[in-house]
Protein backbone atom coordinates (compact mmCIF):
# COMPACT_ATOMS: atom_id res chain seq x y z
CA MET A 1 126.70 120.69 107.81
CA LYS A 2 129.47 119.20 108.18
CA GLN A 3 132.51 120.92 109.77
CA ALA A 4 136.29 120.94 109.34
CA ASN A 5 136.95 119.17 113.24
CA ASP A 6 133.86 116.64 112.07
CA PHE A 7 136.79 114.48 110.27
CA LYS A 8 139.01 112.31 112.14
CA ASN A 9 142.06 113.67 110.58
CA SER A 10 140.55 117.27 111.35
CA SER A 11 144.16 118.45 112.56
CA TYR A 12 145.35 117.70 108.28
CA ILE A 13 142.98 120.80 107.59
CA VAL A 14 142.48 124.16 107.08
CA GLN A 15 140.26 127.38 105.94
CA ALA A 16 141.81 128.55 102.97
CA SER A 17 141.05 132.28 104.92
CA SER A 18 143.61 131.65 107.97
CA SER A 19 146.93 132.74 107.70
CA LEU A 20 149.85 131.30 107.01
CA GLN A 21 150.82 130.82 110.94
CA GLU A 22 147.32 128.98 111.66
CA ALA A 23 148.37 126.53 108.76
CA MET A 24 151.94 126.00 109.78
CA GLU A 25 150.22 125.27 113.39
CA VAL A 26 148.10 122.92 111.92
CA ILE A 27 151.06 121.30 109.93
CA THR A 28 153.39 121.51 112.83
CA ALA A 29 151.21 119.67 114.45
CA ASN A 30 150.32 117.02 111.61
CA HIS A 31 154.11 116.63 111.25
CA ARG A 32 153.14 115.53 107.38
CA GLY A 33 154.71 118.77 106.30
CA SER A 34 150.68 120.00 104.66
CA ALA A 35 147.54 120.48 105.27
CA VAL A 36 144.61 120.65 102.29
CA ALA A 37 142.88 123.96 102.42
CA VAL A 38 139.25 124.44 102.15
CA ASP A 39 136.09 126.70 102.12
CA ASP A 40 133.47 127.65 104.21
CA LYS A 41 131.80 124.73 102.67
CA LEU A 42 134.88 122.23 103.32
CA HIS A 43 135.11 122.02 98.83
CA VAL A 44 139.13 121.44 98.78
CA VAL A 45 140.90 124.95 97.76
CA GLY A 46 143.96 123.25 97.46
CA VAL A 47 147.16 121.75 99.24
CA VAL A 48 149.16 124.26 101.20
CA THR A 49 153.09 122.43 102.47
CA ASP A 50 155.44 124.53 104.33
CA GLY A 51 158.08 125.28 101.84
CA MET A 52 155.10 127.28 99.85
CA ILE A 53 154.80 129.42 103.11
CA ARG A 54 158.53 129.54 103.58
CA ARG A 55 158.44 130.35 99.80
CA ALA A 56 155.17 132.70 100.72
CA LEU A 57 157.43 134.12 103.50
CA LEU A 58 160.31 134.99 101.23
CA LYS A 59 158.59 137.28 98.87
CA GLY A 60 157.29 139.99 101.19
CA ALA A 61 153.97 137.80 103.07
CA VAL A 62 153.18 138.29 107.13
CA MET A 63 152.61 135.27 108.99
CA GLN A 64 150.26 136.39 110.87
CA THR A 65 148.57 137.99 108.00
CA THR A 66 148.81 136.99 104.95
CA PRO A 67 145.80 134.21 103.98
CA VAL A 68 146.92 130.76 103.10
CA SER A 69 145.08 131.49 99.75
CA GLN A 70 148.11 133.35 98.68
CA ALA A 71 150.80 129.99 99.12
CA LEU A 72 148.56 127.33 98.10
CA ASN A 73 149.04 124.60 95.27
CA TYR A 74 145.88 125.35 93.58
CA ASN A 75 146.39 122.11 91.38
CA ALA A 76 146.81 119.74 94.13
CA ILE A 77 146.31 115.66 93.83
CA THR A 78 142.50 114.70 94.78
CA ILE A 79 141.70 110.48 94.69
CA PRO A 80 137.83 110.93 94.07
CA SER A 81 135.67 109.03 96.78
CA ARG A 82 134.39 106.38 93.79
CA ASP A 83 138.65 105.48 93.47
CA THR A 84 137.93 102.41 95.71
CA GLU A 85 140.91 100.70 94.26
CA THR A 86 143.25 103.57 94.98
CA LEU A 87 141.61 104.08 98.54
CA LYS A 88 142.32 100.25 99.88
CA ASN A 89 145.70 100.34 98.61
CA PRO A 90 147.45 103.42 99.24
CA GLU A 91 151.16 102.34 99.72
CA LYS A 92 151.27 102.12 96.18
CA PHE A 93 149.66 105.34 95.62
CA PHE A 94 152.40 106.60 97.71
CA LEU A 95 155.31 104.47 96.12
CA GLU A 96 154.10 105.97 92.80
CA HIS A 97 153.31 109.78 93.73
CA TRP A 98 156.64 109.86 96.37
CA GLU A 99 156.41 114.09 96.56
CA VAL A 100 153.26 113.87 98.60
CA ASN A 101 152.45 113.23 102.17
CA VAL A 102 148.57 114.15 102.64
CA VAL A 103 145.95 113.82 99.67
CA PRO A 104 142.43 115.43 99.74
CA VAL A 105 139.30 112.66 99.21
CA VAL A 106 136.63 114.41 97.11
CA ASP A 107 133.71 114.24 95.99
CA GLU A 108 131.93 115.00 92.65
CA LYS A 109 131.27 118.92 94.20
CA ASN A 110 134.85 118.68 95.31
CA ALA A 111 134.05 118.83 98.70
CA LEU A 112 136.51 117.38 101.12
CA VAL A 113 135.30 113.14 102.30
CA ASP A 114 138.35 112.21 103.52
CA ILE A 115 141.93 112.68 103.64
CA MET A 116 144.90 110.18 102.75
CA ILE A 117 147.55 109.89 104.22
CA ARG A 118 151.16 108.72 103.83
CA ASN A 119 151.65 106.23 106.93
CA ALA A 120 149.05 107.01 108.73
CA ASN A 121 149.53 104.08 110.92
CA HIS A 122 152.92 105.37 112.06
């Protein structure tokens, strides 16, 4: 079975059961302000941003023990892996969705296939 570190963009992936601290470390390292949260079978659970973590902390979450699942956007934008038009032209997608920097690419079972990243070549 494929693991999170098997992805070329593994620095954008965090387990939904990970702590907020672990998620913040991933977000800090990837310099995009967000990470894709997955379950143990790499199904996309949601996306977490540094702002979501900050808001969770203000509501009483504890950085070292609160799971990422308590700070997620469970309705995050995803791209179906069969959407070749979007995948070939991510710049257009990001112009239309200026508020996102990291978008999970998923198969028909919502399993993570890839991650589309704003300005990935920079």
